[in-house]
Amino acid sequence: MIEGTADGRPWASYAVTVREATDGGTVVDLELRPTRRLDLRRLPQGRVAERYYGDVLAAQGYEVVERSVSTAR
């Protein structure tokens, strides 16, 4: 578990699992667990971040094989 903060306040925790893939590569499962609500003014920023998420990881040498986003609490 990784705990994140913003301005010294808890922001979210991340559950991370690393495992070996069948092809010998590495699979990293990352689950974000927000600990506080976001300001509505952050929604456009979140939409842009969602759009380029895979591209940003690809630029760093990672491949997003599967991604799911849930708004459920």
N, C-alpha and C. Protein backbone atom coordinates (compact mmCIF):
# COMPACT_ATOMS: atom_id res chain seq x y z
N MET A 1 0.84 -1.17 0.00
CA MET A 1 0.00 0.00 0.00
C MET A 1 0.89 1.24 0.00
N ILE A 2 0.58 2.16 -0.85
CA ILE A 2 1.30 3.42 -0.94
C ILE A 2 0.31 4.52 -0.55
N GLU A 3 0.70 5.39 0.35
CA GLU A 3 -0.15 6.50 0.78
C GLU A 3 0.34 7.79 0.13
N GLY A 4 -0.56 8.52 -0.54
CA GLY A 4 -0.20 9.77 -1.17
C GLY A 4 -0.77 10.96 -0.41
N THR A 5 -0.05 12.07 -0.43
CA THR A 5 -0.52 13.30 0.20
C THR A 5 -0.39 14.46 -0.76
N ALA A 6 -1.16 15.49 -0.52
CA ALA A 6 -1.07 16.74 -1.27
C ALA A 6 -1.13 17.87 -0.25
N ASP A 7 -0.14 18.71 -0.25
CA ASP A 7 -0.06 19.80 0.72
C ASP A 7 -0.12 19.28 2.16
N GLY A 8 0.48 18.12 2.39
CA GLY A 8 0.53 17.54 3.72
C GLY A 8 -0.75 16.87 4.18
N ARG A 9 -1.76 16.81 3.32
CA ARG A 9 -3.03 16.17 3.68
C ARG A 9 -3.17 14.87 2.90
N PRO A 10 -3.78 13.85 3.50
CA PRO A 10 -3.99 12.59 2.77
C PRO A 10 -4.79 12.84 1.50
N TRP A 11 -4.39 12.22 0.41
CA TRP A 11 -5.08 12.40 -0.87
C TRP A 11 -5.64 11.08 -1.37
N ALA A 12 -4.80 10.03 -1.35
CA ALA A 12 -5.26 8.72 -1.83
C ALA A 12 -4.27 7.65 -1.38
N SER A 13 -4.73 6.44 -1.46
CA SER A 13 -3.83 5.31 -1.25
C SER A 13 -3.87 4.47 -2.52
N TYR A 14 -2.81 3.77 -2.77
CA TYR A 14 -2.69 2.94 -3.95
C TYR A 14 -2.37 1.52 -3.51
N ALA A 15 -3.15 0.56 -4.00
CA ALA A 15 -2.85 -0.85 -3.77
C ALA A 15 -2.08 -1.33 -5.01
N VAL A 16 -0.89 -1.84 -4.81
CA VAL A 16 -0.02 -2.23 -5.93
C VAL A 16 0.30 -3.72 -5.82
N THR A 17 0.14 -4.42 -6.93
CA THR A 17 0.52 -5.83 -7.02
C THR A 17 1.42 -6.00 -8.23
N VAL A 18 2.57 -6.62 -8.03
CA VAL A 18 3.51 -6.88 -9.13
C VAL A 18 3.60 -8.39 -9.29
N ARG A 19 3.44 -8.86 -10.55
CA ARG A 19 3.51 -10.30 -10.81
C ARG A 19 4.14 -10.55 -12.17
N GLU A 20 4.59 -11.78 -12.35
CA GLU A 20 5.21 -12.16 -13.62
C GLU A 20 4.13 -12.55 -14.62
N ALA A 21 4.27 -12.07 -15.84
CA ALA A 21 3.33 -12.40 -16.91
C ALA A 21 3.72 -13.75 -17.52
N THR A 22 2.79 -14.35 -18.24
CA THR A 22 3.07 -15.64 -18.86
C THR A 22 4.16 -15.56 -19.92
N ASP A 23 4.37 -14.37 -20.48
CA ASP A 23 5.41 -14.22 -21.51
C ASP A 23 6.76 -13.84 -20.91
N GLY A 24 6.87 -13.87 -19.58
CA GLY A 24 8.13 -13.54 -18.92
C GLY A 24 8.26 -12.08 -18.54
N GLY A 25 7.31 -11.25 -18.96
CA GLY A 25 7.33 -9.83 -18.61
C GLY A 25 6.79 -9.63 -17.19
N THR A 26 6.56 -8.39 -16.86
CA THR A 26 6.06 -8.04 -15.54
C THR A 26 4.72 -7.33 -15.68
N VAL A 27 3.78 -7.69 -14.84
CA VAL A 27 2.48 -7.04 -14.80
C VAL A 27 2.38 -6.29 -13.48
N VAL A 28 1.98 -5.01 -13.57
CA VAL A 28 1.78 -4.20 -12.37
C VAL A 28 0.31 -3.81 -12.33
N ASP A 29 -0.38 -4.28 -11.31
CA ASP A 29 -1.77 -3.89 -11.09
C ASP A 29 -1.77 -2.75 -10.07
N LEU A 30 -2.43 -1.66 -10.42
CA LEU A 30 -2.45 -0.47 -9.57
C LEU A 30 -3.90 -0.06 -9.36
N GLU A 31 -4.31 0.04 -8.12
CA GLU A 31 -5.66 0.47 -7.80
C GLU A 31 -5.60 1.73 -6.95
N LEU A 32 -6.22 2.79 -7.45
CA LEU A 32 -6.28 4.06 -6.73
C LEU A 32 -7.49 4.03 -5.80
N ARG A 33 -7.26 4.38 -4.55
CA ARG A 33 -8.34 4.46 -3.57
C ARG A 33 -8.36 5.87 -2.98
N PRO A 34 -9.14 6.78 -3.58
CA PRO A 34 -9.16 8.16 -3.08
C PRO A 34 -9.61 8.22 -1.62
N THR A 35 -9.01 9.14 -0.89
CA THR A 35 -9.38 9.31 0.51
C THR A 35 -10.06 10.66 0.76
N ARG A 36 -10.18 11.46 -0.28
CA ARG A 36 -10.93 12.71 -0.14
C ARG A 36 -11.61 13.03 -1.47
N ARG A 37 -12.63 13.83 -1.39
CA ARG A 37 -13.38 14.19 -2.59
C ARG A 37 -12.62 15.26 -3.38
N LEU A 38 -12.81 15.22 -4.69
CA LEU A 38 -12.15 16.21 -5.55
C LEU A 38 -13.08 17.38 -5.82
N ASP A 39 -12.50 18.52 -6.00
CA ASP A 39 -13.23 19.73 -6.36
C ASP A 39 -13.74 19.59 -7.79
N LEU A 40 -14.96 20.01 -8.06
CA LEU A 40 -15.54 19.91 -9.40
C LEU A 40 -14.71 20.64 -10.45
N ARG A 41 -13.95 21.64 -10.03
CA ARG A 41 -13.11 22.36 -11.00
C ARG A 41 -12.00 21.48 -11.54
N ARG A 42 -11.74 20.34 -10.90
CA ARG A 42 -10.69 19.41 -11.33
C ARG A 42 -11.18 18.43 -12.40
N LEU A 43 -12.48 18.40 -12.68
CA LEU A 43 -13.01 17.44 -13.66
C LEU A 43 -12.38 17.58 -15.04
N PRO A 44 -12.27 18.79 -15.62
CA PRO A 44 -11.63 18.89 -16.94
C PRO A 44 -10.18 18.37 -16.93
N GLN A 45 -9.46 18.66 -15.87
CA GLN A 45 -8.08 18.18 -15.74
C GLN A 45 -8.06 16.65 -15.73
N GLY A 46 -9.01 16.04 -15.03
CA GLY A 46 -9.10 14.59 -14.96
C GLY A 46 -9.41 13.97 -16.30
N ARG A 47 -10.26 14.61 -17.08
CA ARG A 47 -10.61 14.11 -18.42
C ARG A 47 -9.39 14.13 -19.33
N VAL A 48 -8.62 15.18 -19.28
CA VAL A 48 -7.40 15.27 -20.10
C VAL A 48 -6.41 14.21 -19.66
N ALA A 49 -6.23 14.06 -18.36
CA ALA A 49 -5.30 13.06 -17.84
C ALA A 49 -5.72 11.66 -18.26
N GLU A 50 -7.02 11.39 -18.24
CA GLU A 50 -7.52 10.07 -18.65
C GLU A 50 -7.22 9.81 -20.12
N ARG A 51 -7.39 10.82 -20.94
CA ARG A 51 -7.14 10.68 -22.39
C ARG A 51 -5.69 10.33 -22.69
N TYR A 52 -4.74 10.92 -22.00
CA TYR A 52 -3.33 10.73 -22.31
C TYR A 52 -2.61 9.76 -21.39
N TYR A 53 -3.33 9.09 -20.51
CA TYR A 53 -2.74 8.17 -19.53
C TYR A 53 -1.84 7.12 -20.20
N GLY A 54 -2.38 6.41 -21.20
CA GLY A 54 -1.61 5.39 -21.91
C GLY A 54 -0.42 5.96 -22.64
N ASP A 55 -0.58 7.12 -23.26
CA ASP A 55 0.52 7.76 -24.00
C ASP A 55 1.67 8.13 -23.08
N VAL A 56 1.34 8.63 -21.91
CA VAL A 56 2.37 9.02 -20.94
C VAL A 56 3.15 7.79 -20.49
N LEU A 57 2.45 6.72 -20.18
CA LEU A 57 3.14 5.49 -19.77
C LEU A 57 3.96 4.90 -20.91
N ALA A 58 3.44 4.95 -22.14
CA ALA A 58 4.18 4.44 -23.30
C ALA A 58 5.47 5.22 -23.50
N ALA A 59 5.44 6.51 -23.28
CA ALA A 59 6.65 7.33 -23.44
C ALA A 59 7.72 6.94 -22.43
N GLN A 60 7.30 6.30 -21.34
CA GLN A 60 8.24 5.85 -20.33
C GLN A 60 8.61 4.37 -20.49
N GLY A 61 8.11 3.75 -21.58
CA GLY A 61 8.45 2.37 -21.87
C GLY A 61 7.47 1.34 -21.35
N TYR A 62 6.30 1.77 -20.86
CA TYR A 62 5.30 0.85 -20.35
C TYR A 62 4.19 0.64 -21.37
N GLU A 63 3.47 -0.46 -21.24
CA GLU A 63 2.34 -0.74 -22.10
C GLU A 63 1.11 -0.97 -21.23
N VAL A 64 0.03 -0.26 -21.52
CA VAL A 64 -1.22 -0.48 -20.80
C VAL A 64 -1.97 -1.57 -21.56
N VAL A 65 -2.12 -2.72 -20.93
CA VAL A 65 -2.78 -3.85 -21.58
C VAL A 65 -4.28 -3.80 -21.32
N GLU A 66 -4.64 -3.47 -20.10
CA GLU A 66 -6.04 -3.38 -19.73
C GLU A 66 -6.20 -2.29 -18.70
N ARG A 67 -7.27 -1.52 -18.84
CA ARG A 67 -7.51 -0.46 -17.88
C ARG A 67 -9.00 -0.32 -17.68
N SER A 68 -9.43 -0.24 -16.45
CA SER A 68 -10.83 0.00 -16.18
C SER A 68 -10.95 1.14 -15.16
N VAL A 69 -11.97 1.93 -15.34
CA VAL A 69 -12.20 3.07 -14.46
C VAL A 69 -13.61 2.94 -13.91
N SER A 70 -13.73 3.08 -12.61
CA SER A 70 -15.03 2.99 -11.98
C SER A 70 -15.26 4.26 -11.15
N THR A 71 -16.48 4.74 -11.19
CA THR A 71 -16.82 5.89 -10.36
C THR A 71 -17.57 5.45 -9.12
N ALA A 72 -17.71 4.13 -8.96
CA ALA A 72 -18.41 3.60 -7.79
C ALA A 72 -17.60 3.86 -6.53
N ARG A 73 -18.27 4.01 -5.43
CA ARG A 73 -17.60 4.21 -4.15
C ARG A 73 -17.62 2.93 -3.38
